[in-house]
Amino acid sequence: MAADDEKPVEPEETPAESGAETPQTSEETAPDAAAEESQPLETPQAEAETTSEAEAEASPAQSQAEEVVVEGDEVLTEEELEDEVEQTPRVKPEIPGADLEVDIVRDGDEVNRGESRWSEDEADDADVEETEDEAEPQPIADAAIDLAAGARYTATGKRKTAVARVILMPGTGEYKINGRSLEVFFPRNTLQRNIRQPLETVGYESRMDVVATMHGGGVSAQAGALRHGISRALIEADPNLRSELKRRGFLTRDARVKERKKAGLKKARKRPQFSKR
């Protein structure tokens, strides 16, 4: 019974063999916390050292890359080159023309401008005046027309459907057309200038009177017929004027007339609207 009462003594398990975590004392945890606190204090210094080393390595390469363009003695960097290439686009003003400079000279305002500019303008004006004077037809100097008291020179002029029978006689330059004066029969200044051209070219505009009878045509056609008749009458007075008057186009009979209407058309060329159905 005594042997049965005695139980075998089991060996105690050590903390290492059981795998259980033993609670750490305050003395053991203190060094670990101190190490952790010291580590973040050292990291900014290390980062600063690494960045300085990277900048030192990159600075020579960057300086070589920036100094790429050489123009004469000047060395342009990439930034300066980009500034020159990239031009700022023009901004559209809110008011059109607001960005323009005012260049208006009012009457009475004195503006000091270069003397050379004024001289050039005056020279250009003089050249224009000379060309205009040259363009104006000069009267024929060698015209010799007999201006006897009973001299009469007759001719017929035509234009479109108008016919003018003209009589030239010595006088003071008056025009009688169907019993009326030139200003009344032809109120337009343009037509009056065209009618006076033949006598002005010869130089007898104030020494001969014109008497004409007109019929047919319109106002423009009658003016052309009258000029044509006066030119032909001057040839009757002096045949030597033919070449000069013909060169200026006074003796040419203008053959332009209204084109006749065609069958099936509304006018000479105008067609009725096409209808497919």
Protein backbone atom coordinates (compact mmCIF):
# COMPACT_ATOMS: atom_id res chain seq x y z
CA MET A 1 0.00 0.00 0.00
CA ALA A 2 2.87 2.30 0.72
CA ALA A 3 4.33 1.68 -2.70
CA ASP A 4 1.04 2.44 -4.34
CA ASP A 5 0.64 5.65 -2.43
CA GLU A 6 3.89 6.99 -3.77
CA LYS A 7 3.29 8.69 -7.16
CA PRO A 8 6.07 9.40 -9.63
CA VAL A 9 7.28 12.95 -9.58
CA GLU A 10 6.86 14.64 -13.04
CA PRO A 11 9.66 17.02 -14.12
CA GLU A 12 8.70 20.69 -14.26
CA GLU A 13 8.60 22.27 -17.68
CA THR A 14 10.88 25.23 -18.20
CA PRO A 15 9.57 28.34 -19.89
CA ALA A 16 11.85 27.78 -22.86
CA GLU A 17 10.60 24.23 -23.41
CA SER A 18 6.93 25.08 -23.03
CA GLY A 19 7.06 27.98 -25.51
CA ALA A 20 5.09 30.27 -23.31
CA GLU A 21 6.07 33.89 -23.21
CA THR A 22 7.41 35.04 -19.98
CA PRO A 23 6.52 38.58 -18.92
CA GLN A 24 9.38 40.96 -19.45
CA THR A 25 10.53 43.13 -16.72
CA SER A 26 10.82 46.89 -16.88
CA GLU A 27 14.57 46.62 -16.94
CA GLU A 28 14.49 44.47 -20.08
CA THR A 29 12.02 46.70 -22.01
CA ALA A 30 13.84 49.94 -21.29
CA PRO A 31 16.82 49.34 -23.62
CA ASP A 32 14.53 48.41 -26.50
CA ALA A 33 12.48 51.64 -26.21
CA ALA A 34 15.66 53.72 -26.05
CA ALA A 35 16.90 52.12 -29.24
CA GLU A 36 13.60 52.79 -31.00
CA GLU A 37 13.64 56.43 -29.89
CA SER A 38 17.18 56.98 -31.06
CA GLN A 39 16.48 55.52 -34.52
CA PRO A 40 14.03 58.21 -35.83
CA LEU A 41 16.36 60.93 -34.61
CA GLU A 42 19.15 59.63 -36.81
CA THR A 43 17.04 59.20 -40.03
CA PRO A 44 16.74 62.92 -41.06
CA GLN A 45 20.50 63.32 -40.94
CA ALA A 46 20.94 60.25 -43.08
CA GLU A 47 18.33 61.47 -45.57
CA ALA A 48 20.01 64.88 -45.80
CA GLU A 49 23.36 63.22 -46.45
CA THR A 50 21.92 61.01 -49.22
CA THR A 51 20.14 63.94 -50.96
CA SER A 52 23.29 66.07 -50.89
CA GLU A 53 25.28 63.25 -52.43
CA ALA A 54 22.62 62.78 -55.17
CA GLU A 55 22.60 66.50 -55.99
CA ALA A 56 26.40 66.56 -56.12
CA GLU A 57 26.35 63.67 -58.59
CA ALA A 58 23.53 65.18 -60.72
CA SER A 59 24.76 68.81 -60.80
CA PRO A 60 27.66 68.31 -63.30
CA ALA A 61 25.41 66.30 -65.61
CA GLN A 62 22.61 68.87 -65.36
CA SER A 63 24.95 71.77 -66.05
CA GLN A 64 26.30 69.97 -69.09
CA ALA A 65 22.75 69.25 -70.30
CA GLU A 66 21.56 72.85 -69.84
CA GLU A 67 24.46 74.43 -71.72
CA VAL A 68 23.58 72.97 -75.12
CA VAL A 69 23.18 75.90 -77.48
CA VAL A 70 26.09 78.16 -78.33
CA GLU A 71 25.54 81.34 -80.38
CA GLY A 72 28.80 83.17 -80.86
CA ASP A 73 30.15 84.12 -77.47
CA GLU A 74 26.81 83.58 -75.66
CA VAL A 75 25.87 80.25 -74.10
CA LEU A 76 22.13 79.67 -73.90
CA THR A 77 20.60 77.22 -71.48
CA GLU A 78 17.60 75.07 -72.28
CA GLU A 79 15.33 77.29 -70.19
CA GLU A 80 16.41 80.43 -72.06
CA LEU A 81 16.01 78.61 -75.39
CA GLU A 82 12.48 77.55 -74.44
CA ASP A 83 11.65 81.13 -73.45
CA GLU A 84 12.82 82.35 -76.86
CA VAL A 85 10.97 79.65 -78.78
CA GLU A 86 7.74 79.85 -76.81
CA GLN A 87 6.28 83.21 -77.72
CA THR A 88 3.25 84.35 -75.88
CA PRO A 89 0.17 84.24 -78.13
CA ARG A 90 -1.57 87.49 -78.91
CA VAL A 91 -4.59 88.02 -76.71
CA LYS A 92 -7.64 89.27 -78.55
CA PRO A 93 -8.73 92.58 -77.03
CA GLU A 94 -12.24 93.07 -75.81
CA ILE A 95 -12.65 96.09 -78.09
CA PRO A 96 -11.36 95.55 -81.66
CA GLY A 97 -8.54 97.98 -82.41
CA ALA A 98 -8.03 99.00 -78.80
CA ASP A 99 -4.41 97.86 -78.91
CA LEU A 100 -3.61 99.96 -81.99
CA GLU A 101 -1.90 103.31 -81.80
CA VAL A 102 -3.91 106.35 -82.80
CA ASP A 103 -2.42 108.07 -85.84
CA ILE A 104 -4.87 110.87 -86.58
CA VAL A 105 -3.79 114.38 -87.44
CA ARG A 106 -6.56 116.92 -87.13
CA ASP A 107 -6.71 120.27 -88.86
CA GLY A 108 -4.59 122.79 -87.03
CA ASP A 109 -2.48 120.20 -85.18
CA GLU A 110 1.23 120.41 -85.77
CA VAL A 111 2.98 117.09 -85.95
CA ASN A 112 6.75 116.97 -86.24
CA ARG A 113 7.54 114.36 -88.75
CA GLY A 114 10.69 113.66 -90.70
CA GLU A 115 11.54 116.17 -93.39
CA SER A 116 12.48 113.38 -95.72
CA ARG A 117 8.98 111.90 -95.43
CA TRP A 118 7.32 115.19 -96.35
CA SER A 119 9.70 115.69 -99.22
CA GLU A 120 8.96 112.21 -100.54
CA ASP A 121 5.21 112.84 -100.32
CA GLU A 122 5.58 116.12 -102.17
CA ALA A 123 7.70 114.45 -104.83
CA ASP A 124 5.09 111.71 -105.25
CA ASP A 125 2.32 114.30 -105.57
CA ALA A 126 4.32 116.16 -108.19
CA ASP A 127 4.87 112.93 -110.14
CA VAL A 128 1.16 112.15 -110.01
CA GLU A 129 0.29 115.63 -111.25
CA GLU A 130 2.76 115.30 -114.11
CA THR A 131 1.31 111.95 -115.15
CA GLU A 132 -2.22 113.40 -115.03
CA ASP A 133 -1.14 116.32 -117.19
CA GLU A 134 0.44 113.95 -119.65
CA ALA A 135 -2.68 111.76 -119.69
CA GLU A 136 -4.92 114.71 -120.62
CA PRO A 137 -5.18 115.05 -124.41
CA GLN A 138 -3.54 118.16 -125.78
CA PRO A 139 -5.38 120.18 -128.46
CA ILE A 140 -4.27 119.74 -132.03
CA ALA A 141 -2.10 122.74 -132.91
CA ASP A 142 -2.03 122.35 -136.71
CA ALA A 143 -5.81 122.53 -137.22
CA ALA A 144 -6.67 124.94 -140.04
CA ILE A 145 -10.43 125.43 -140.49
CA ASP A 146 -11.90 128.13 -142.69
CA LEU A 147 -14.10 130.31 -140.48
CA ALA A 148 -15.64 132.44 -143.18
CA ALA A 149 -18.99 134.09 -142.50
CA GLY A 150 -20.94 131.67 -144.69
CA ALA A 151 -19.02 128.48 -143.89
CA ARG A 152 -21.17 125.46 -143.12
CA TYR A 153 -19.92 121.93 -142.44
CA THR A 154 -22.54 119.18 -142.20
CA ALA A 155 -22.33 115.51 -141.20
CA THR A 156 -24.42 112.69 -139.76
CA GLY A 157 -23.61 110.76 -136.61
CA LYS A 158 -25.12 107.53 -135.33
CA ARG A 159 -25.16 105.53 -132.11
CA LYS A 160 -27.47 102.57 -131.50
CA THR A 161 -30.79 103.72 -132.98
CA ALA A 162 -30.15 107.46 -132.57
CA VAL A 163 -29.35 109.68 -135.53
CA ALA A 164 -27.89 113.20 -135.32
CA ARG A 165 -27.60 115.60 -138.25
CA VAL A 166 -24.97 118.20 -137.33
CA ILE A 167 -24.09 121.60 -138.83
CA LEU A 168 -20.89 123.42 -137.79
CA MET A 169 -20.64 127.16 -138.39
CA PRO A 170 -18.45 130.02 -137.07
CA GLY A 171 -19.69 131.37 -133.75
CA THR A 172 -18.99 131.57 -130.03
CA GLY A 173 -19.31 127.92 -128.97
CA GLU A 174 -23.08 127.62 -128.53
CA TYR A 175 -24.98 124.36 -128.95
CA LYS A 176 -28.53 124.18 -130.29
CA ILE A 177 -30.10 120.70 -130.27
CA ASN A 178 -33.67 120.52 -131.52
CA GLY A 179 -34.01 124.19 -130.61
CA ARG A 180 -32.71 123.75 -127.03
CA SER A 181 -29.39 124.40 -125.41
CA LEU A 182 -26.91 121.67 -124.51
CA GLU A 183 -27.47 122.01 -120.76
CA VAL A 184 -31.22 121.63 -121.16
CA PHE A 185 -31.17 118.75 -123.66
CA PHE A 186 -28.40 116.82 -121.83
CA PRO A 187 -28.52 117.62 -118.09
CA ARG A 188 -25.79 115.12 -117.22
CA ASN A 189 -22.30 116.59 -116.95
CA THR A 190 -20.74 113.38 -118.24
CA LEU A 191 -22.70 113.55 -121.48
CA GLN A 192 -21.88 117.22 -121.88
CA ARG A 193 -18.14 116.51 -121.55
CA ASN A 194 -18.36 113.72 -124.14
CA ILE A 195 -20.13 116.00 -126.61
CA ARG A 196 -17.58 118.82 -126.19
CA GLN A 197 -14.54 116.55 -126.64
CA PRO A 198 -14.13 116.81 -130.46
CA LEU A 199 -14.11 120.63 -130.58
CA GLU A 200 -11.90 120.85 -127.48
CA THR A 201 -9.41 118.48 -129.08
CA VAL A 202 -9.20 120.65 -132.16
CA GLY A 203 -9.10 123.88 -130.16
CA TYR A 204 -12.21 125.47 -131.70
CA GLU A 205 -14.61 125.05 -128.75
CA SER A 206 -15.11 128.82 -128.48
CA ARG A 207 -15.04 129.68 -132.19
CA MET A 208 -17.69 127.38 -133.69
CA ASP A 209 -21.40 126.86 -133.04
CA VAL A 210 -23.17 123.49 -133.30
CA VAL A 211 -26.71 123.11 -134.61
CA ALA A 212 -28.13 119.59 -134.60
CA THR A 213 -31.40 117.74 -135.05
CA MET A 214 -31.83 114.48 -133.17
CA HIS A 215 -34.26 111.57 -133.35
CA GLY A 216 -34.36 107.98 -132.11
CA GLY A 217 -32.58 106.29 -129.25
CA GLY A 218 -32.23 107.38 -125.68
CA VAL A 219 -30.26 110.07 -123.91
CA SER A 220 -26.92 108.23 -123.95
CA ALA A 221 -27.35 107.10 -127.55
CA GLN A 222 -28.19 110.62 -128.71
CA ALA A 223 -25.11 112.02 -126.95
CA GLY A 224 -22.90 109.45 -128.69
CA ALA A 225 -24.53 110.18 -132.06
CA LEU A 226 -23.98 113.93 -131.59
CA ARG A 227 -20.29 113.47 -130.79
CA HIS A 228 -19.90 111.21 -133.81
CA GLY A 229 -21.60 113.77 -136.06
CA ILE A 230 -19.42 116.67 -134.77
CA SER A 231 -16.27 114.63 -135.42
CA ARG A 232 -17.34 113.84 -138.98
CA ALA A 233 -18.17 117.51 -139.60
CA LEU A 234 -14.65 118.47 -138.49
CA ILE A 235 -13.24 116.08 -141.11
CA GLU A 236 -15.32 117.92 -143.70
CA ALA A 237 -13.81 121.18 -142.48
CA ASP A 238 -10.18 119.94 -142.41
CA PRO A 239 -9.31 116.47 -143.80
CA ASN A 240 -5.89 116.63 -142.09
CA LEU A 241 -7.57 116.09 -138.72
CA ARG A 242 -8.70 112.59 -139.66
CA SER A 243 -5.66 110.68 -138.34
CA GLU A 244 -5.65 112.47 -134.97
CA LEU A 245 -9.41 112.19 -134.43
CA LYS A 246 -9.39 108.55 -135.45
CA ARG A 247 -6.50 107.79 -133.08
CA ARG A 248 -8.57 109.18 -130.20
CA GLY A 249 -11.63 107.13 -131.20
CA PHE A 250 -13.97 109.97 -132.20
CA LEU A 251 -14.62 108.68 -135.72
CA THR A 252 -15.42 105.08 -134.74
CA ARG A 253 -19.07 104.21 -135.08
CA ASP A 254 -20.00 102.29 -131.92
CA ALA A 255 -21.71 99.16 -133.25
CA ARG A 256 -22.92 97.91 -129.89
CA VAL A 257 -26.69 97.52 -129.97
CA LYS A 258 -29.27 95.59 -128.00
CA GLU A 259 -29.36 91.93 -129.01
CA ARG A 260 -32.63 90.71 -130.50
CA LYS A 261 -35.00 88.46 -128.63
CA LYS A 262 -35.02 84.79 -129.53
CA ALA A 263 -38.03 82.51 -129.91
CA GLY A 264 -38.69 80.43 -126.81
CA LEU A 265 -36.63 82.76 -124.59
CA LYS A 266 -37.76 85.65 -122.46
CA LYS A 267 -35.02 87.94 -123.79
CA ALA A 268 -31.92 87.58 -125.92
CA ARG A 269 -30.28 85.07 -123.55
CA LYS A 270 -32.63 84.68 -120.60
CA ARG A 271 -34.41 81.34 -120.52
CA PRO A 272 -37.64 80.45 -118.71
CA GLN A 273 -37.31 78.46 -115.49
CA PHE A 274 -36.71 74.76 -116.10
CA SER A 275 -39.41 72.40 -114.86
CA LYS A 276 -38.58 68.73 -114.67
CA ARG A 277 -42.24 67.62 -114.58
